PDB file of N, CA and C in Angstrom:
ATOM      1  N   MET A   1       1.124  14.755  58.363  1.00  0.00           N
ATOM      2  CA  MET A   1       2.324  14.293  57.699  1.00  0.00           C
ATOM      3  C   MET A   1       2.055  13.030  56.901  1.00  0.00           C
ATOM      4  N   ALA A   2       1.207  12.172  57.418  1.00  0.00           N
ATOM      5  CA  ALA A   2       0.919  10.910  56.744  1.00  0.00           C
ATOM      6  C   ALA A   2       0.165  11.169  55.442  1.00  0.00           C
ATOM      7  N   TRP A   3      -0.704  12.154  55.469  1.00  0.00           N
ATOM      8  CA  TRP A   3      -1.469  12.424  54.244  1.00  0.00           C
ATOM      9  C   TRP A   3      -0.570  12.969  53.145  1.00  0.00           C
ATOM     10  N   ARG A   4       0.503  13.703  53.534  1.00  0.00           N
ATOM     11  CA  ARG A   4       1.457  14.205  52.541  1.00  0.00           C
ATOM     12  C   ARG A   4       2.208  13.049  51.883  1.00  0.00           C
ATOM     13  N   GLN A   5       2.629  12.102  52.717  1.00  0.00           N
ATOM     14  CA  GLN A   5       3.325  10.947  52.171  1.00  0.00           C
ATOM     15  C   GLN A   5       2.399  10.130  51.263  1.00  0.00           C
ATOM     16  N   LEU A   6       1.150   9.995  51.672  1.00  0.00           N
ATOM     17  CA  LEU A   6       0.172   9.276  50.854  1.00  0.00           C
ATOM     18  C   LEU A   6      -0.053  10.015  49.536  1.00  0.00           C
ATOM     19  N   PHE A   7      -0.156  11.339  49.600  1.00  0.00           N
ATOM     20  CA  PHE A   7      -0.350  12.141  48.392  1.00  0.00           C
ATOM     21  C   PHE A   7       0.855  12.015  47.457  1.00  0.00           C
ATOM     22  N   LEU A   8       2.067  12.132  47.999  1.00  0.00           N
ATOM     23  CA  LEU A   8       3.279  11.998  47.195  1.00  0.00           C
ATOM     24  C   LEU A   8       3.393  10.599  46.574  1.00  0.00           C
ATOM     25  N   ALA A   9       3.045   9.592  47.358  1.00  0.00           N
ATOM     26  CA  ALA A   9       3.098   8.219  46.847  1.00  0.00           C
ATOM     27  C   ALA A   9       2.094   8.035  45.705  1.00  0.00           C
ATOM     28  N   SER A  10       0.898   8.606  45.847  1.00  0.00           N
ATOM     29  CA  SER A  10      -0.102   8.468  44.793  1.00  0.00           C
ATOM     30  C   SER A  10       0.323   9.237  43.538  1.00  0.00           C
ATOM     31  N   CYS A  11       0.928  10.414  43.736  1.00  0.00           N
ATOM     32  CA  CYS A  11       1.425  11.178  42.585  1.00  0.00           C
ATOM     33  C   CYS A  11       2.538  10.414  41.879  1.00  0.00           C
ATOM     34  N   LEU A  12       3.440   9.840  42.633  1.00  0.00           N
ATOM     35  CA  LEU A  12       4.534   9.073  42.069  1.00  0.00           C
ATOM     36  C   LEU A  12       4.023   7.857  41.307  1.00  0.00           C
ATOM     37  N   SER A  13       3.059   7.149  41.890  1.00  0.00           N
ATOM     38  CA  SER A  13       2.514   5.977  41.210  1.00  0.00           C
ATOM     39  C   SER A  13       1.767   6.388  39.935  1.00  0.00           C
ATOM     40  N   ALA A  14       1.086   7.526  39.965  1.00  0.00           N
ATOM     41  CA  ALA A  14       0.399   8.019  38.764  1.00  0.00           C
ATOM     42  C   ALA A  14       1.415   8.354  37.681  1.00  0.00           C
ATOM     43  N   ALA A  15       2.515   8.980  38.057  1.00  0.00           N
ATOM     44  CA  ALA A  15       3.549   9.326  37.083  1.00  0.00           C
ATOM     45  C   ALA A  15       4.160   8.069  36.482  1.00  0.00           C
ATOM     46  N   VAL A  16       4.397   7.067  37.308  1.00  0.00           N
ATOM     47  CA  VAL A  16       4.962   5.803  36.814  1.00  0.00           C
ATOM     48  C   VAL A  16       3.988   5.141  35.851  1.00  0.00           C
ATOM     49  N   LEU A  17       2.697   5.153  36.193  1.00  0.00           N
ATOM     50  CA  LEU A  17       1.698   4.557  35.307  1.00  0.00           C
ATOM     51  C   LEU A  17       1.636   5.295  33.971  1.00  0.00           C
ATOM     52  N   LEU A  18       1.715   6.618  34.007  1.00  0.00           N
ATOM     53  CA  LEU A  18       1.678   7.402  32.774  1.00  0.00           C
ATOM     54  C   LEU A  18       2.891   7.107  31.893  1.00  0.00           C
ATOM     55  N   THR A  19       4.069   7.041  32.494  1.00  0.00           N
ATOM     56  CA  THR A  19       5.257   6.763  31.696  1.00  0.00           C
ATOM     57  C   THR A  19       5.203   5.350  31.133  1.00  0.00           C
ATOM     58  N   THR A  20       4.692   4.411  31.903  1.00  0.00           N
ATOM     59  CA  THR A  20       4.553   3.042  31.409  1.00  0.00           C
ATOM     60  C   THR A  20       3.559   3.000  30.249  1.00  0.00           C
ATOM     61  N   GLU A  21       2.458   3.694  30.416  1.00  0.00           N
ATOM     62  CA  GLU A  21       1.451   3.737  29.356  1.00  0.00           C
ATOM     63  C   GLU A  21       2.015   4.393  28.096  1.00  0.00           C
ATOM     64  N   ASN A  22       2.767   5.473  28.286  1.00  0.00           N
ATOM     65  CA  ASN A  22       3.392   6.142  27.143  1.00  0.00           C
ATOM     66  C   ASN A  22       4.383   5.222  26.438  1.00  0.00           C
ATOM     67  N   ARG A  23       5.164   4.474  27.207  1.00  0.00           N
ATOM     68  CA  ARG A  23       6.108   3.541  26.608  1.00  0.00           C
ATOM     69  C   ARG A  23       5.377   2.475  25.806  1.00  0.00           C
ATOM     70  N   GLN A  24       4.263   1.978  26.342  1.00  0.00           N
ATOM     71  CA  GLN A  24       3.480   0.972  25.627  1.00  0.00           C
ATOM     72  C   GLN A  24       2.917   1.549  24.332  1.00  0.00           C
ATOM     73  N   LYS A  25       2.428   2.786  24.377  1.00  0.00           N
ATOM     74  CA  LYS A  25       1.901   3.419  23.169  1.00  0.00           C
ATOM     75  C   LYS A  25       3.002   3.608  22.134  1.00  0.00           C
ATOM     76  N   LEU A  26       4.170   4.063  22.574  1.00  0.00           N
ATOM     77  CA  LEU A  26       5.287   4.249  21.646  1.00  0.00           C
ATOM     78  C   LEU A  26       5.722   2.925  21.026  1.00  0.00           C
ATOM     79  N   CYS A  27       5.747   1.889  21.838  1.00  0.00           N
ATOM     80  CA  CYS A  27       6.125   0.572  21.339  1.00  0.00           C
ATOM     81  C   CYS A  27       5.097   0.083  20.312  1.00  0.00           C
ATOM     82  N   ALA A  28       3.815   0.257  20.613  1.00  0.00           N
ATOM     83  CA  ALA A  28       2.763  -0.150  19.681  1.00  0.00           C
ATOM     84  C   ALA A  28       2.844   0.656  18.387  1.00  0.00           C
ATOM     85  N   ASP A  29       3.114   1.950  18.498  1.00  0.00           N
ATOM     86  CA  ASP A  29       3.261   2.788  17.298  1.00  0.00           C
ATOM     87  C   ASP A  29       4.436   2.316  16.442  1.00  0.00           C
ATOM     88  N   GLU A  30       5.529   1.981  17.097  1.00  0.00           N
ATOM     89  CA  GLU A  30       6.704   1.508  16.364  1.00  0.00           C
ATOM     90  C   GLU A  30       6.412   0.182  15.652  1.00  0.00           C
ATOM     91  N   LEU A  31       5.745  -0.728  16.336  1.00  0.00           N
ATOM     92  CA  LEU A  31       5.382  -2.006  15.718  1.00  0.00           C
ATOM     93  C   LEU A  31       4.447  -1.793  14.531  1.00  0.00           C
ATOM     94  N   ARG A  32       3.483  -0.899  14.694  1.00  0.00           N
ATOM     95  CA  ARG A  32       2.543  -0.602  13.609  1.00  0.00           C
ATOM     96  C   ARG A  32       3.283   0.003  12.413  1.00  0.00           C
ATOM     97  N   ARG A  33       4.207   0.925  12.693  1.00  0.00           N
ATOM     98  CA  ARG A  33       4.991   1.559  11.645  1.00  0.00           C
ATOM     99  C   ARG A  33       5.814   0.517  10.879  1.00  0.00           C
ATOM    100  N   GLU A  34       6.462  -0.396  11.598  1.00  0.00           N
ATOM    101  CA  GLU A  34       7.247  -1.445  10.958  1.00  0.00           C
ATOM    102  C   GLU A  34       6.365  -2.355  10.113  1.00  0.00           C
ATOM    103  N   TYR A  35       5.187  -2.699  10.627  1.00  0.00           N
ATOM    104  CA  TYR A  35       4.265  -3.578   9.896  1.00  0.00           C
ATOM    105  C   TYR A  35       3.842  -2.933   8.575  1.00  0.00           C
ATOM    106  N   TYR A  36       3.435  -1.668   8.630  1.00  0.00           N
ATOM    107  CA  TYR A  36       2.985  -1.000   7.407  1.00  0.00           C
ATOM    108  C   TYR A  36       4.137  -0.775   6.437  1.00  0.00           C
ATOM    109  N   LYS A  37       5.335  -0.551   6.936  1.00  0.00           N
ATOM    110  CA  LYS A  37       6.496  -0.415   6.065  1.00  0.00           C
ATOM    111  C   LYS A  37       6.764  -1.739   5.342  1.00  0.00           C
ATOM    112  N   GLU A  38       6.668  -2.846   6.082  1.00  0.00           N
ATOM    113  CA  GLU A  38       6.840  -4.168   5.491  1.00  0.00           C
ATOM    114  C   GLU A  38       5.792  -4.426   4.406  1.00  0.00           C
ATOM    115  N   GLN A  39       4.531  -4.106   4.733  1.00  0.00           N
ATOM    116  CA  GLN A  39       3.448  -4.313   3.773  1.00  0.00           C
ATOM    117  C   GLN A  39       3.671  -3.470   2.516  1.00  0.00           C
ATOM    118  N   ARG A  40       4.087  -2.232   2.688  1.00  0.00           N
ATOM    119  CA  ARG A  40       4.338  -1.350   1.545  1.00  0.00           C
ATOM    120  C   ARG A  40       5.464  -1.901   0.679  1.00  0.00           C
ATOM    121  N   ASN A  41       6.545  -2.380   1.308  1.00  0.00           N
ATOM    122  CA  ASN A  41       7.661  -2.938   0.551  1.00  0.00           C
ATOM    123  C   ASN A  41       7.243  -4.185  -0.217  1.00  0.00           C
ATOM    124  N   GLU A  42       6.450  -5.051   0.416  1.00  0.00           N
ATOM    125  CA  GLU A  42       5.973  -6.247  -0.270  1.00  0.00           C
ATOM    126  C   GLU A  42       5.108  -5.869  -1.466  1.00  0.00           C
ATOM    127  N   PHE A  43       4.241  -4.900  -1.309  1.00  0.00           N
ATOM    128  CA  PHE A  43       3.372  -4.483  -2.408  1.00  0.00           C
ATOM    129  C   PHE A  43       4.190  -3.867  -3.541  1.00  0.00           C
ATOM    130  N   GLU A  44       5.179  -3.048  -3.202  1.00  0.00           N
ATOM    131  CA  GLU A  44       6.020  -2.443  -4.235  1.00  0.00           C
ATOM    132  C   GLU A  44       6.764  -3.517  -5.016  1.00  0.00           C
ATOM    133  N   ASN A  45       7.276  -4.529  -4.317  1.00  0.00           N
ATOM    134  CA  ASN A  45       7.960  -5.627  -4.998  1.00  0.00           C
ATOM    135  C   ASN A  45       6.994  -6.385  -5.905  1.00  0.00           C
ATOM    136  N   PHE A  46       5.788  -6.613  -5.420  1.00  0.00           N
ATOM    137  CA  PHE A  46       4.770  -7.308  -6.208  1.00  0.00           C
ATOM    138  C   PHE A  46       4.453  -6.534  -7.476  1.00  0.00           C
ATOM    139  N   VAL A  47       4.293  -5.230  -7.348  1.00  0.00           N
ATOM    140  CA  VAL A  47       3.965  -4.389  -8.507  1.00  0.00           C
ATOM    141  C   VAL A  47       5.118  -4.391  -9.503  1.00  0.00           C
ATOM    142  N   GLU A  48       6.353  -4.302  -8.999  1.00  0.00           N
ATOM    143  CA  GLU A  48       7.507  -4.308  -9.890  1.00  0.00           C
ATOM    144  C   GLU A  48       7.609  -5.610 -10.663  1.00  0.00           C
ATOM    145  N   GLU A  49       7.252  -6.729 -10.023  1.00  0.00           N
ATOM    146  CA  GLU A  49       7.312  -8.020 -10.702  1.00  0.00           C
ATOM    147  C   GLU A  49       6.186  -8.163 -11.715  1.00  0.00           C
ATOM    148  N   LYS A  50       5.004  -7.696 -11.375  1.00  0.00           N
ATOM    149  CA  LYS A  50       3.838  -7.904 -12.221  1.00  0.00           C
ATOM    150  C   LYS A  50       3.739  -6.924 -13.376  1.00  0.00           C
ATOM    151  N   SER A  51       4.318  -5.756 -13.251  1.00  0.00           N
ATOM    152  CA  SER A  51       4.157  -4.724 -14.261  1.00  0.00           C
ATOM    153  C   SER A  51       4.635  -5.155 -15.648  1.00  0.00           C
ATOM    154  N   PRO A  52       5.839  -5.699 -15.817  1.00  0.00           N
ATOM    155  CA  PRO A  52       6.269  -6.107 -17.156  1.00  0.00           C
ATOM    156  C   PRO A  52       5.406  -7.226 -17.734  1.00  0.00           C
ATOM    157  N   GLU A  53       5.003  -8.183 -16.882  1.00  0.00           N
ATOM    158  CA  GLU A  53       4.158  -9.276 -17.349  1.00  0.00           C
ATOM    159  C   GLU A  53       2.822  -8.740 -17.847  1.00  0.00           C
ATOM    160  N   GLN A  54       2.237  -7.857 -17.086  1.00  0.00           N
ATOM    161  CA  GLN A  54       0.940  -7.301 -17.463  1.00  0.00           C
ATOM    162  C   GLN A  54       1.063  -6.479 -18.749  1.00  0.00           C
ATOM    163  N   GLU A  55       2.139  -5.723 -18.861  1.00  0.00           N
ATOM    164  CA  GLU A  55       2.353  -4.921 -20.061  1.00  0.00           C
ATOM    165  C   GLU A  55       2.507  -5.821 -21.290  1.00  0.00           C
ATOM    166  N   GLU A  56       3.238  -6.907 -21.121  1.00  0.00           N
ATOM    167  CA  GLU A  56       3.429  -7.848 -22.225  1.00  0.00           C
ATOM    168  C   GLU A  56       2.106  -8.492 -22.635  1.00  0.00           C
ATOM    169  N   ARG A  57       1.291  -8.886 -21.648  1.00  0.00           N
ATOM    170  CA  ARG A  57      -0.013  -9.488 -21.960  1.00  0.00           C
ATOM    171  C   ARG A  57      -0.919  -8.501 -22.668  1.00  0.00           C
ATOM    172  N   SER A  58      -0.936  -7.262 -22.223  1.00  0.00           N
ATOM    173  CA  SER A  58      -1.814  -6.288 -22.861  1.00  0.00           C
ATOM    174  C   SER A  58      -1.324  -5.983 -24.276  1.00  0.00           C
ATOM    175  N   GLN A  59       0.002  -5.958 -24.478  1.00  0.00           N
ATOM    176  CA  GLN A  59       0.543  -5.733 -25.816  1.00  0.00           C
ATOM    177  C   GLN A  59       0.149  -6.878 -26.743  1.00  0.00           C
ATOM    178  N   GLU A  60       0.230  -8.113 -26.245  1.00  0.00           N
ATOM    179  CA  GLU A  60      -0.184  -9.264 -27.046  1.00  0.00           C
ATOM    180  C   GLU A  60      -1.660  -9.188 -27.395  1.00  0.00           C
ATOM    181  N   ALA A  61      -2.480  -8.795 -26.431  1.00  0.00           N
ATOM    182  CA  ALA A  61      -3.919  -8.680 -26.685  1.00  0.00           C
ATOM    183  C   ALA A  61      -4.193  -7.611 -27.739  1.00  0.00           C
ATOM    184  N   ILE A  62      -3.474  -6.514 -27.687  1.00  0.00           N
ATOM    185  CA  ILE A  62      -3.660  -5.443 -28.681  1.00  0.00           C
ATOM    186  C   ILE A  62      -3.267  -5.945 -30.071  1.00  0.00           C
ATOM    187  N   GLU A  63      -2.133  -6.650 -30.134  1.00  0.00           N
ATOM    188  CA  GLU A  63      -1.696  -7.179 -31.427  1.00  0.00           C
ATOM    189  C   GLU A  63      -2.704  -8.170 -31.987  1.00  0.00           C
ATOM    190  N   GLN A  64      -3.243  -9.040 -31.122  1.00  0.00           N
ATOM    191  CA  GLN A  64      -4.249 -10.002 -31.585  1.00  0.00           C
ATOM    192  C   GLN A  64      -5.496  -9.275 -32.079  1.00  0.00           C
ATOM    193  N   TRP A  65      -5.908  -8.263 -31.358  1.00  0.00           N
ATOM    194  CA  TRP A  65      -7.093  -7.506 -31.758  1.00  0.00           C
ATOM    195  C   TRP A  65      -6.859  -6.851 -33.117  1.00  0.00           C
ATOM    196  N   CYS A  66      -5.672  -6.269 -33.313  1.00  0.00           N
ATOM    197  CA  CYS A  66      -5.348  -5.612 -34.581  1.00  0.00           C
ATOM    198  C   CYS A  66      -5.330  -6.623 -35.723  1.00  0.00           C
ATOM    199  N   GLN A  67      -4.743  -7.794 -35.496  1.00  0.00           N
ATOM    200  CA  GLN A  67      -4.709  -8.810 -36.546  1.00  0.00           C
ATOM    201  C   GLN A  67      -6.110  -9.304 -36.875  1.00  0.00           C
ATOM    202  N   TRP A  68      -6.942  -9.472 -35.864  1.00  0.00           N
ATOM    203  CA  TRP A  68      -8.299  -9.975 -36.080  1.00  0.00           C
ATOM    204  C   TRP A  68      -9.135  -8.980 -36.879  1.00  0.00           C
ATOM    205  N   HIS A  69      -8.989  -7.695 -36.577  1.00  0.00           N
ATOM    206  CA  HIS A  69      -9.833  -6.675 -37.181  1.00  0.00           C
ATOM    207  C   HIS A  69      -9.214  -6.019 -38.416  1.00  0.00           C
ATOM    208  N   TYR A  70      -8.005  -6.401 -38.774  1.00  0.00           N
ATOM    209  CA  TYR A  70      -7.366  -5.765 -39.920  1.00  0.00           C
ATOM    210  C   TYR A  70      -8.119  -6.138 -41.195  1.00  0.00           C
ATOM    211  N   ASP A  71      -8.463  -5.137 -42.008  1.00  0.00           N
ATOM    212  CA  ASP A  71      -9.274  -5.396 -43.201  1.00  0.00           C
ATOM    213  C   ASP A  71      -8.465  -5.331 -44.488  1.00  0.00           C
ATOM    214  N   GLY A  72      -7.154  -5.337 -44.378  1.00  0.00           N
ATOM    215  CA  GLY A  72      -6.319  -5.324 -45.559  1.00  0.00           C
ATOM    216  C   GLY A  72      -6.005  -3.933 -46.059  1.00  0.00           C
ATOM    217  N   LEU A  73      -6.555  -2.942 -45.459  1.00  0.00           N
ATOM    218  CA  LEU A  73      -6.306  -1.565 -45.866  1.00  0.00           C
ATOM    219  C   LEU A  73      -5.494  -0.852 -44.802  1.00  0.00           C
ATOM    220  N   TYR A  74      -4.912   0.256 -45.185  1.00  0.00           N
ATOM    221  CA  TYR A  74      -4.152   1.034 -44.221  1.00  0.00           C
ATOM    222  C   TYR A  74      -4.711   2.441 -44.217  1.00  0.00           C
ATOM    223  N   PRO A  75      -4.923   3.070 -43.123  1.00  0.00           N
ATOM    224  CA  PRO A  75      -4.803   2.580 -41.759  1.00  0.00           C
ATOM    225  C   PRO A  75      -5.842   1.508 -41.449  1.00  0.00           C
ATOM    226  N   SER A  76      -5.641   0.887 -40.333  1.00  0.00           N
ATOM    227  CA  SER A  76      -6.402  -0.327 -40.038  1.00  0.00           C
ATOM    228  C   SER A  76      -7.883  -0.044 -39.767  1.00  0.00           C
ATOM    229  N   TYR A  77      -8.568  -1.071 -39.383  1.00  0.00           N
ATOM    230  CA  TYR A  77     -10.023  -1.147 -39.248  1.00  0.00           C
ATOM    231  C   TYR A  77     -10.665   0.059 -38.567  1.00  0.00           C
ATOM    232  N   LEU A  78     -10.086   0.495 -37.461  1.00  0.00           N
ATOM    233  CA  LEU A  78     -10.735   1.552 -36.688  1.00  0.00           C
ATOM    234  C   LEU A  78     -10.936   2.826 -37.505  1.00  0.00           C
ATOM    235  N   TYR A  79      -9.955   3.160 -38.352  1.00  0.00           N
ATOM    236  CA  TYR A  79     -10.015   4.419 -39.082  1.00  0.00           C
ATOM    237  C   TYR A  79     -10.591   4.245 -40.490  1.00  0.00           C
ATOM    238  N   ASN A  80     -10.903   3.020 -40.859  1.00  0.00           N
ATOM    239  CA  ASN A  80     -11.262   2.742 -42.237  1.00  0.00           C
ATOM    240  C   ASN A  80     -12.607   2.027 -42.324  1.00  0.00           C
ATOM    241  N   ARG A  81     -13.555   2.462 -41.572  1.00  0.00           N
ATOM    242  CA  ARG A  81     -14.875   1.821 -41.610  1.00  0.00           C
ATOM    243  C   ARG A  81     -15.654   2.336 -42.807  1.00  0.00           C
ATOM    244  N   HIS A  82     -16.067   1.422 -43.644  1.00  0.00           N
ATOM    245  CA  HIS A  82     -16.816   1.801 -44.831  1.00  0.00           C
ATOM    246  C   HIS A  82     -18.295   1.585 -44.573  1.00  0.00           C
ATOM    247  N   HIS A  83     -19.029   2.645 -44.571  1.00  0.00           N
ATOM    248  CA  HIS A  83     -20.476   2.538 -44.370  1.00  0.00           C
ATOM    249  C   HIS A  83     -21.155   2.776 -45.708  1.00  0.00           C
ATOM    250  N   ILE A  84     -22.079   1.925 -46.021  1.00  0.00           N
ATOM    251  CA  ILE A  84     -22.811   2.053 -47.290  1.00  0.00           C
ATOM    252  C   ILE A  84     -24.080   2.835 -47.065  1.00  0.00           C
TER     253      ILE A  84
END
């Protein structure tokens, strides 16, 4: 009879340990999910802020390049290369 009680107690303690471990894993998964969601939101906000600025800078660079290379003819330099 004592061995049955010992067996039941060990089974019960194993079940409690498993449920505790599962709860810890679920909690860790939830924390990880929240962290990555936060990181994704921060990155999306960063991209939304930087995109217009970057587009404006690249447009300015293109305009400067066109003005620098314009040879007075139309279409501009790229299509109007005169080779002798």
